[in-house]
Amino acid sequence: MEEQIQSFRVKLEAVTVWPSLYMFKFIVPAEEQDKVKEIFSSHEVKERPSRNGKYVSLTINMLANSAEQIIDKYLETYKIKGIIAL
């Protein structure tokens, strides 16, 4: 996992001028969406439920000052059961 994180960090640094607006997109089981909202509590979270209501698509825009801020948020969200980052 550390190699993937380092690769992502390098890519972010290569294409981004900080501070930068970064868009997170997740698909999460409906019963877990509040956990994502807690992680991004100071940001607007746009949600779109699936047809059957079992899953929710979440989009969050965050003003980040570094690649580390983005990576830290991803690492927090990966602890949520069933989450998929897009």
PDB file of N, CA and C in Angstrom:
ATOM      1  N   MET A   1       0.824  -1.198   0.000  1.00  0.00           N
ATOM      2  CA  MET A   1       0.000   0.000   0.000  1.00  0.00           C
ATOM      3  C   MET A   1       0.867   1.261   0.000  1.00  0.00           C
ATOM      4  N   GLU A   2       2.017   1.199   0.674  1.00  0.00           N
ATOM      5  CA  GLU A   2       2.897   2.375   0.743  1.00  0.00           C
ATOM      6  C   GLU A   2       3.383   2.797  -0.648  1.00  0.00           C
ATOM      7  N   GLU A   3       3.629   1.822  -1.523  1.00  0.00           N
ATOM      8  CA  GLU A   3       4.039   2.150  -2.896  1.00  0.00           C
ATOM      9  C   GLU A   3       2.944   2.894  -3.641  1.00  0.00           C
ATOM     10  N   GLN A   4       1.702   2.462  -3.462  1.00  0.00           N
ATOM     11  CA  GLN A   4       0.564   3.115  -4.117  1.00  0.00           C
ATOM     12  C   GLN A   4       0.399   4.543  -3.605  1.00  0.00           C
ATOM     13  N   ILE A   5       0.565   4.718  -2.311  1.00  0.00           N
ATOM     14  CA  ILE A   5       0.444   6.060  -1.722  1.00  0.00           C
ATOM     15  C   ILE A   5       1.540   6.965  -2.268  1.00  0.00           C
ATOM     16  N   GLN A   6       2.769   6.457  -2.325  1.00  0.00           N
ATOM     17  CA  GLN A   6       3.881   7.258  -2.837  1.00  0.00           C
ATOM     18  C   GLN A   6       3.664   7.613  -4.307  1.00  0.00           C
ATOM     19  N   SER A   7       3.175   6.670  -5.091  1.00  0.00           N
ATOM     20  CA  SER A   7       2.902   6.920  -6.509  1.00  0.00           C
ATOM     21  C   SER A   7       1.832   8.001  -6.665  1.00  0.00           C
ATOM     22  N   PHE A   8       0.782   7.921  -5.856  1.00  0.00           N
ATOM     23  CA  PHE A   8      -0.284   8.914  -5.891  1.00  0.00           C
ATOM     24  C   PHE A   8       0.251  10.285  -5.485  1.00  0.00           C
ATOM     25  N   ARG A   9       1.090  10.323  -4.452  1.00  0.00           N
ATOM     26  CA  ARG A   9       1.691  11.575  -3.982  1.00  0.00           C
ATOM     27  C   ARG A   9       2.504  12.230  -5.098  1.00  0.00           C
ATOM     28  N   VAL A  10       3.324  11.444  -5.787  1.00  0.00           N
ATOM     29  CA  VAL A  10       4.162  11.957  -6.876  1.00  0.00           C
ATOM     30  C   VAL A  10       3.280  12.529  -7.989  1.00  0.00           C
ATOM     31  N   LYS A  11       2.221  11.809  -8.349  1.00  0.00           N
ATOM     32  CA  LYS A  11       1.320  12.285  -9.400  1.00  0.00           C
ATOM     33  C   LYS A  11       0.627  13.577  -9.004  1.00  0.00           C
ATOM     34  N   LEU A  12       0.154  13.644  -7.765  1.00  0.00           N
ATOM     35  CA  LEU A  12      -0.489  14.879  -7.296  1.00  0.00           C
ATOM     36  C   LEU A  12       0.471  16.062  -7.354  1.00  0.00           C
ATOM     37  N   GLU A  13       1.685  15.862  -6.876  1.00  0.00           N
ATOM     38  CA  GLU A  13       2.671  16.946  -6.855  1.00  0.00           C
ATOM     39  C   GLU A  13       3.046  17.387  -8.274  1.00  0.00           C
ATOM     40  N   ALA A  14       3.037  16.459  -9.217  1.00  0.00           N
ATOM     41  CA  ALA A  14       3.441  16.779 -10.589  1.00  0.00           C
ATOM     42  C   ALA A  14       2.413  17.623 -11.329  1.00  0.00           C
ATOM     43  N   VAL A  15       1.141  17.485 -10.982  1.00  0.00           N
ATOM     44  CA  VAL A  15       0.096  18.160 -11.760  1.00  0.00           C
ATOM     45  C   VAL A  15      -0.663  19.235 -10.981  1.00  0.00           C
ATOM     46  N   THR A  16      -0.262  19.499  -9.745  1.00  0.00           N
ATOM     47  CA  THR A  16      -1.047  20.409  -8.914  1.00  0.00           C
ATOM     48  C   THR A  16      -0.209  21.567  -8.404  1.00  0.00           C
ATOM     49  N   VAL A  17      -0.816  22.745  -8.413  1.00  0.00           N
ATOM     50  CA  VAL A  17      -0.233  23.928  -7.787  1.00  0.00           C
ATOM     51  C   VAL A  17      -1.057  24.170  -6.519  1.00  0.00           C
ATOM     52  N   TRP A  18      -0.373  24.202  -5.381  1.00  0.00           N
ATOM     53  CA  TRP A  18      -1.065  24.336  -4.092  1.00  0.00           C
ATOM     54  C   TRP A  18      -1.208  25.790  -3.689  1.00  0.00           C
ATOM     55  N   PRO A  19      -2.279  26.169  -3.028  1.00  0.00           N
ATOM     56  CA  PRO A  19      -3.468  25.389  -2.695  1.00  0.00           C
ATOM     57  C   PRO A  19      -4.297  25.107  -3.951  1.00  0.00           C
ATOM     58  N   SER A  20      -5.067  24.015  -3.881  1.00  0.00           N
ATOM     59  CA  SER A  20      -5.854  23.590  -5.026  1.00  0.00           C
ATOM     60  C   SER A  20      -7.173  22.958  -4.564  1.00  0.00           C
ATOM     61  N   LEU A  21      -8.196  23.139  -5.387  1.00  0.00           N
ATOM     62  CA  LEU A  21      -9.479  22.511  -5.110  1.00  0.00           C
ATOM     63  C   LEU A  21      -9.415  21.072  -5.603  1.00  0.00           C
ATOM     64  N   TYR A  22      -9.729  20.126  -4.727  1.00  0.00           N
ATOM     65  CA  TYR A  22      -9.669  18.708  -5.072  1.00  0.00           C
ATOM     66  C   TYR A  22     -11.053  18.095  -4.888  1.00  0.00           C
ATOM     67  N   MET A  23     -11.464  17.277  -5.842  1.00  0.00           N
ATOM     68  CA  MET A  23     -12.775  16.639  -5.781  1.00  0.00           C
ATOM     69  C   MET A  23     -12.632  15.170  -5.391  1.00  0.00           C
ATOM     70  N   PHE A  24     -13.264  14.816  -4.284  1.00  0.00           N
ATOM     71  CA  PHE A  24     -13.346  13.427  -3.847  1.00  0.00           C
ATOM     72  C   PHE A  24     -14.678  12.872  -4.317  1.00  0.00           C
ATOM     73  N   LYS A  25     -14.670  11.627  -4.795  1.00  0.00           N
ATOM     74  CA  LYS A  25     -15.907  10.941  -5.176  1.00  0.00           C
ATOM     75  C   LYS A  25     -15.876   9.546  -4.568  1.00  0.00           C
ATOM     76  N   PHE A  26     -16.966   9.208  -3.901  1.00  0.00           N
ATOM     77  CA  PHE A  26     -17.069   7.909  -3.250  1.00  0.00           C
ATOM     78  C   PHE A  26     -18.420   7.287  -3.539  1.00  0.00           C
ATOM     79  N   ILE A  27     -18.446   5.969  -3.537  1.00  0.00           N
ATOM     80  CA  ILE A  27     -19.691   5.220  -3.477  1.00  0.00           C
ATOM     81  C   ILE A  27     -19.612   4.462  -2.159  1.00  0.00           C
ATOM     82  N   VAL A  28     -20.670   4.574  -1.377  1.00  0.00           N
ATOM     83  CA  VAL A  28     -20.649   3.993  -0.041  1.00  0.00           C
ATOM     84  C   VAL A  28     -22.018   3.388   0.262  1.00  0.00           C
ATOM     85  N   PRO A  29     -22.059   2.283   1.035  1.00  0.00           N
ATOM     86  CA  PRO A  29     -23.354   1.769   1.459  1.00  0.00           C
ATOM     87  C   PRO A  29     -24.112   2.872   2.209  1.00  0.00           C
ATOM     88  N   ALA A  30     -25.400   2.973   1.975  1.00  0.00           N
ATOM     89  CA  ALA A  30     -26.208   4.062   2.539  1.00  0.00           C
ATOM     90  C   ALA A  30     -26.036   4.186   4.051  1.00  0.00           C
ATOM     91  N   GLU A  31     -25.943   3.058   4.742  1.00  0.00           N
ATOM     92  CA  GLU A  31     -25.841   3.109   6.205  1.00  0.00           C
ATOM     93  C   GLU A  31     -24.479   3.606   6.691  1.00  0.00           C
ATOM     94  N   GLU A  32     -23.501   3.745   5.797  1.00  0.00           N
ATOM     95  CA  GLU A  32     -22.164   4.215   6.168  1.00  0.00           C
ATOM     96  C   GLU A  32     -21.897   5.673   5.763  1.00  0.00           C
ATOM     97  N   GLN A  33     -22.837   6.308   5.073  1.00  0.00           N
ATOM     98  CA  GLN A  33     -22.571   7.641   4.535  1.00  0.00           C
ATOM     99  C   GLN A  33     -22.289   8.685   5.614  1.00  0.00           C
ATOM    100  N   ASP A  34     -22.878   8.545   6.788  1.00  0.00           N
ATOM    101  CA  ASP A  34     -22.631   9.524   7.845  1.00  0.00           C
ATOM    102  C   ASP A  34     -21.172   9.532   8.297  1.00  0.00           C
ATOM    103  N   LYS A  35     -20.499   8.398   8.189  1.00  0.00           N
ATOM    104  CA  LYS A  35     -19.086   8.332   8.562  1.00  0.00           C
ATOM    105  C   LYS A  35     -18.238   9.177   7.613  1.00  0.00           C
ATOM    106  N   VAL A  36     -18.585   9.149   6.335  1.00  0.00           N
ATOM    107  CA  VAL A  36     -17.862   9.981   5.356  1.00  0.00           C
ATOM    108  C   VAL A  36     -18.143  11.453   5.643  1.00  0.00           C
ATOM    109  N   LYS A  37     -19.396  11.766   5.927  1.00  0.00           N
ATOM    110  CA  LYS A  37     -19.768  13.153   6.214  1.00  0.00           C
ATOM    111  C   LYS A  37     -19.042  13.676   7.450  1.00  0.00           C
ATOM    112  N   GLU A  38     -18.790  12.814   8.428  1.00  0.00           N
ATOM    113  CA  GLU A  38     -18.037  13.229   9.619  1.00  0.00           C
ATOM    114  C   GLU A  38     -16.594  13.582   9.257  1.00  0.00           C
ATOM    115  N   ILE A  39     -15.989  12.781   8.378  1.00  0.00           N
ATOM    116  CA  ILE A  39     -14.601  13.024   7.968  1.00  0.00           C
ATOM    117  C   ILE A  39     -14.488  14.365   7.234  1.00  0.00           C
ATOM    118  N   PHE A  40     -15.520  14.705   6.455  1.00  0.00           N
ATOM    119  CA  PHE A  40     -15.531  15.953   5.686  1.00  0.00           C
ATOM    120  C   PHE A  40     -16.533  16.935   6.284  1.00  0.00           C
ATOM    121  N   SER A  41     -16.599  17.003   7.601  1.00  0.00           N
ATOM    122  CA  SER A  41     -17.636  17.792   8.281  1.00  0.00           C
ATOM    123  C   SER A  41     -17.608  19.284   7.941  1.00  0.00           C
ATOM    124  N   SER A  42     -16.474  19.823   7.578  1.00  0.00           N
ATOM    125  CA  SER A  42     -16.402  21.252   7.269  1.00  0.00           C
ATOM    126  C   SER A  42     -16.517  21.536   5.772  1.00  0.00           C
ATOM    127  N   HIS A  43     -16.933  20.532   5.002  1.00  0.00           N
ATOM    128  CA  HIS A  43     -17.063  20.683   3.556  1.00  0.00           C
ATOM    129  C   HIS A  43     -18.459  20.294   3.098  1.00  0.00           C
ATOM    130  N   GLU A  44     -18.872  20.874   1.986  1.00  0.00           N
ATOM    131  CA  GLU A  44     -20.171  20.521   1.413  1.00  0.00           C
ATOM    132  C   GLU A  44     -20.078  19.131   0.790  1.00  0.00           C
ATOM    133  N   VAL A  45     -21.035  18.274   1.146  1.00  0.00           N
ATOM    134  CA  VAL A  45     -21.090  16.918   0.614  1.00  0.00           C
ATOM    135  C   VAL A  45     -22.355  16.801  -0.229  1.00  0.00           C
ATOM    136  N   LYS A  46     -22.161  16.523  -1.516  1.00  0.00           N
ATOM    137  CA  LYS A  46     -23.301  16.308  -2.407  1.00  0.00           C
ATOM    138  C   LYS A  46     -23.556  14.816  -2.468  1.00  0.00           C
ATOM    139  N   GLU A  47     -24.814  14.439  -2.314  1.00  0.00           N
ATOM    140  CA  GLU A  47     -25.141  13.019  -2.307  1.00  0.00           C
ATOM    141  C   GLU A  47     -26.185  12.681  -3.361  1.00  0.00           C
ATOM    142  N   ARG A  48     -26.042  11.475  -3.883  1.00  0.00           N
ATOM    143  CA  ARG A  48     -26.993  10.973  -4.869  1.00  0.00           C
ATOM    144  C   ARG A  48     -27.218   9.493  -4.583  1.00  0.00           C
ATOM    145  N   PRO A  49     -28.409   9.126  -4.142  1.00  0.00           N
ATOM    146  CA  PRO A  49     -28.678   7.720  -3.831  1.00  0.00           C
ATOM    147  C   PRO A  49     -28.797   6.870  -5.091  1.00  0.00           C
ATOM    148  N   SER A  50     -28.495   5.581  -4.963  1.00  0.00           N
ATOM    149  CA  SER A  50     -28.684   4.650  -6.069  1.00  0.00           C
ATOM    150  C   SER A  50     -30.185   4.398  -6.238  1.00  0.00           C
ATOM    151  N   ARG A  51     -30.551   3.772  -7.326  1.00  0.00           N
ATOM    152  CA  ARG A  51     -31.968   3.516  -7.599  1.00  0.00           C
ATOM    153  C   ARG A  51     -32.658   2.757  -6.479  1.00  0.00           C
ATOM    154  N   ASN A  52     -31.995   1.758  -5.975  1.00  0.00           N
ATOM    155  CA  ASN A  52     -32.613   0.950  -4.923  1.00  0.00           C
ATOM    156  C   ASN A  52     -32.348   1.489  -3.517  1.00  0.00           C
ATOM    157  N   GLY A  53     -31.550   2.553  -3.410  1.00  0.00           N
ATOM    158  CA  GLY A  53     -31.283   3.184  -2.125  1.00  0.00           C
ATOM    159  C   GLY A  53     -30.252   2.473  -1.270  1.00  0.00           C
ATOM    160  N   LYS A  54     -29.659   1.423  -1.805  1.00  0.00           N
ATOM    161  CA  LYS A  54     -28.685   0.650  -1.040  1.00  0.00           C
ATOM    162  C   LYS A  54     -27.340   1.374  -0.921  1.00  0.00           C
ATOM    163  N   TYR A  55     -26.989   2.153  -1.954  1.00  0.00           N
ATOM    164  CA  TYR A  55     -25.720   2.880  -1.983  1.00  0.00           C
ATOM    165  C   TYR A  55     -25.971   4.365  -2.208  1.00  0.00           C
ATOM    166  N   VAL A  56     -24.957   5.157  -1.868  1.00  0.00           N
ATOM    167  CA  VAL A  56     -25.016   6.598  -2.078  1.00  0.00           C
ATOM    168  C   VAL A  56     -23.706   7.036  -2.718  1.00  0.00           C
ATOM    169  N   SER A  57     -23.804   7.886  -3.735  1.00  0.00           N
ATOM    170  CA  SER A  57     -22.640   8.496  -4.349  1.00  0.00           C
ATOM    171  C   SER A  57     -22.412   9.839  -3.649  1.00  0.00           C
ATOM    172  N   LEU A  58     -21.201  10.057  -3.174  1.00  0.00           N
ATOM    173  CA  LEU A  58     -20.872  11.298  -2.471  1.00  0.00           C
ATOM    174  C   LEU A  58     -19.769  12.035  -3.222  1.00  0.00           C
ATOM    175  N   THR A  59     -19.955  13.334  -3.393  1.00  0.00           N
ATOM    176  CA  THR A  59     -18.961  14.191  -4.032  1.00  0.00           C
ATOM    177  C   THR A  59     -18.630  15.317  -3.063  1.00  0.00           C
ATOM    178  N   ILE A  60     -17.346  15.504  -2.825  1.00  0.00           N
ATOM    179  CA  ILE A  60     -16.887  16.529  -1.885  1.00  0.00           C
ATOM    180  C   ILE A  60     -15.766  17.320  -2.543  1.00  0.00           C
ATOM    181  N   ASN A  61     -15.885  18.640  -2.540  1.00  0.00           N
ATOM    182  CA  ASN A  61     -14.803  19.510  -3.006  1.00  0.00           C
ATOM    183  C   ASN A  61     -14.090  20.058  -1.777  1.00  0.00           C
ATOM    184  N   MET A  62     -12.767  19.946  -1.783  1.00  0.00           N
ATOM    185  CA  MET A  62     -11.979  20.396  -0.637  1.00  0.00           C
ATOM    186  C   MET A  62     -10.807  21.236  -1.128  1.00  0.00           C
ATOM    187  N   LEU A  63     -10.600  22.376  -0.514  1.00  0.00           N
ATOM    188  CA  LEU A  63      -9.428  23.189  -0.808  1.00  0.00           C
ATOM    189  C   LEU A  63      -8.262  22.602  -0.024  1.00  0.00           C
ATOM    190  N   ALA A  64      -7.296  22.052  -0.726  1.00  0.00           N
ATOM    191  CA  ALA A  64      -6.157  21.393  -0.088  1.00  0.00           C
ATOM    192  C   ALA A  64      -4.897  22.220  -0.259  1.00  0.00           C
ATOM    193  N   ASN A  65      -4.063  22.204   0.775  1.00  0.00           N
ATOM    194  CA  ASN A  65      -2.798  22.934   0.739  1.00  0.00           C
ATOM    195  C   ASN A  65      -1.615  22.045   0.379  1.00  0.00           C
ATOM    196  N   SER A  66      -1.856  20.720   0.331  1.00  0.00           N
ATOM    197  CA  SER A  66      -0.763  19.797   0.011  1.00  0.00           C
ATOM    198  C   SER A  66      -1.329  18.441  -0.380  1.00  0.00           C
ATOM    199  N   ALA A  67      -0.484  17.640  -0.988  1.00  0.00           N
ATOM    200  CA  ALA A  67      -0.865  16.270  -1.332  1.00  0.00           C
ATOM    201  C   ALA A  67      -1.140  15.467  -0.067  1.00  0.00           C
ATOM    202  N   GLU A  68      -0.421  15.774   0.998  1.00  0.00           N
ATOM    203  CA  GLU A  68      -0.606  15.047   2.258  1.00  0.00           C
ATOM    204  C   GLU A  68      -2.022  15.199   2.814  1.00  0.00           C
ATOM    205  N   GLN A  69      -2.615  16.382   2.675  1.00  0.00           N
ATOM    206  CA  GLN A  69      -3.989  16.576   3.149  1.00  0.00           C
ATOM    207  C   GLN A  69      -4.942  15.646   2.406  1.00  0.00           C
ATOM    208  N   ILE A  70      -4.752  15.507   1.121  1.00  0.00           N
ATOM    209  CA  ILE A  70      -5.613  14.653   0.309  1.00  0.00           C
ATOM    210  C   ILE A  70      -5.397  13.188   0.684  1.00  0.00           C
ATOM    211  N   ILE A  71      -4.167  12.780   0.785  1.00  0.00           N
ATOM    212  CA  ILE A  71      -3.853  11.398   1.145  1.00  0.00           C
ATOM    213  C   ILE A  71      -4.397  11.058   2.525  1.00  0.00           C
ATOM    214  N   ASP A  72      -4.262  11.972   3.475  1.00  0.00           N
ATOM    215  CA  ASP A  72      -4.790  11.735   4.821  1.00  0.00           C
ATOM    216  C   ASP A  72      -6.295  11.494   4.808  1.00  0.00           C
ATOM    217  N   LYS A  73      -7.016  12.267   4.008  1.00  0.00           N
ATOM    218  CA  LYS A  73      -8.470  12.075   3.911  1.00  0.00           C
ATOM    219  C   LYS A  73      -8.803  10.710   3.317  1.00  0.00           C
ATOM    220  N   TYR A  74      -8.078  10.321   2.272  1.00  0.00           N
ATOM    221  CA  TYR A  74      -8.309   8.996   1.692  1.00  0.00           C
ATOM    222  C   TYR A  74      -8.035   7.893   2.717  1.00  0.00           C
ATOM    223  N   LEU A  75      -6.964   8.011   3.468  1.00  0.00           N
ATOM    224  CA  LEU A  75      -6.634   6.998   4.461  1.00  0.00           C
ATOM    225  C   LEU A  75      -7.715   6.907   5.540  1.00  0.00           C
ATOM    226  N   GLU A  76      -8.294   8.035   5.923  1.00  0.00           N
ATOM    227  CA  GLU A  76      -9.401   8.017   6.885  1.00  0.00           C
ATOM    228  C   GLU A  76     -10.623   7.306   6.315  1.00  0.00           C
ATOM    229  N   THR A  77     -10.945   7.598   5.061  1.00  0.00           N
ATOM    230  CA  THR A  77     -12.154   7.015   4.471  1.00  0.00           C
ATOM    231  C   THR A  77     -11.996   5.522   4.202  1.00  0.00           C
ATOM    232  N   TYR A  78     -10.790   5.057   3.953  1.00  0.00           N
ATOM    233  CA  TYR A  78     -10.587   3.632   3.665  1.00  0.00           C
ATOM    234  C   TYR A  78     -10.928   2.745   4.852  1.00  0.00           C
ATOM    235  N   LYS A  79     -11.080   3.321   6.034  1.00  0.00           N
ATOM    236  CA  LYS A  79     -11.471   2.554   7.219  1.00  0.00           C
ATOM    237  C   LYS A  79     -12.970   2.234   7.224  1.00  0.00           C
ATOM    238  N   ILE A  80     -13.725   2.872   6.331  1.00  0.00           N
ATOM    239  CA  ILE A  80     -15.183   2.695   6.279  1.00  0.00           C
ATOM    240  C   ILE A  80     -15.516   1.450   5.476  1.00  0.00           C
ATOM    241  N   LYS A  81     -16.328   0.597   6.062  1.00  0.00           N
ATOM    242  CA  LYS A  81     -16.687  -0.679   5.433  1.00  0.00           C
ATOM    243  C   LYS A  81     -17.475  -0.443   4.135  1.00  0.00           C
ATOM    244  N   GLY A  82     -16.993  -1.048   3.047  1.00  0.00           N
ATOM    245  CA  GLY A  82     -17.709  -1.029   1.777  1.00  0.00           C
ATOM    246  C   GLY A  82     -17.508   0.204   0.918  1.00  0.00           C
ATOM    247  N   ILE A  83     -16.641   1.123   1.330  1.00  0.00           N
ATOM    248  CA  ILE A  83     -16.456   2.362   0.555  1.00  0.00           C
ATOM    249  C   ILE A  83     -15.641   2.085  -0.704  1.00  0.00           C
ATOM    250  N   ILE A  84     -16.006   2.792  -1.771  1.00  0.00           N
ATOM    251  CA  ILE A  84     -15.275   2.728  -3.037  1.00  0.00           C
ATOM    252  C   ILE A  84     -14.916   4.165  -3.414  1.00  0.00           C
ATOM    253  N   ALA A  85     -13.628   4.420  -3.600  1.00  0.00           N
ATOM    254  CA  ALA A  85     -13.177   5.740  -4.040  1.00  0.00           C
ATOM    255  C   ALA A  85     -13.073   5.722  -5.549  1.00  0.00           C
ATOM    256  N   LEU A  86     -13.604   6.758  -6.176  1.00  0.00           N
ATOM    257  CA  LEU A  86     -13.556   6.860  -7.627  1.00  0.00           C
ATOM    258  C   LEU A  86     -12.512   7.873  -8.057  1.00  0.00           C
TER     259      LEU A  86
END
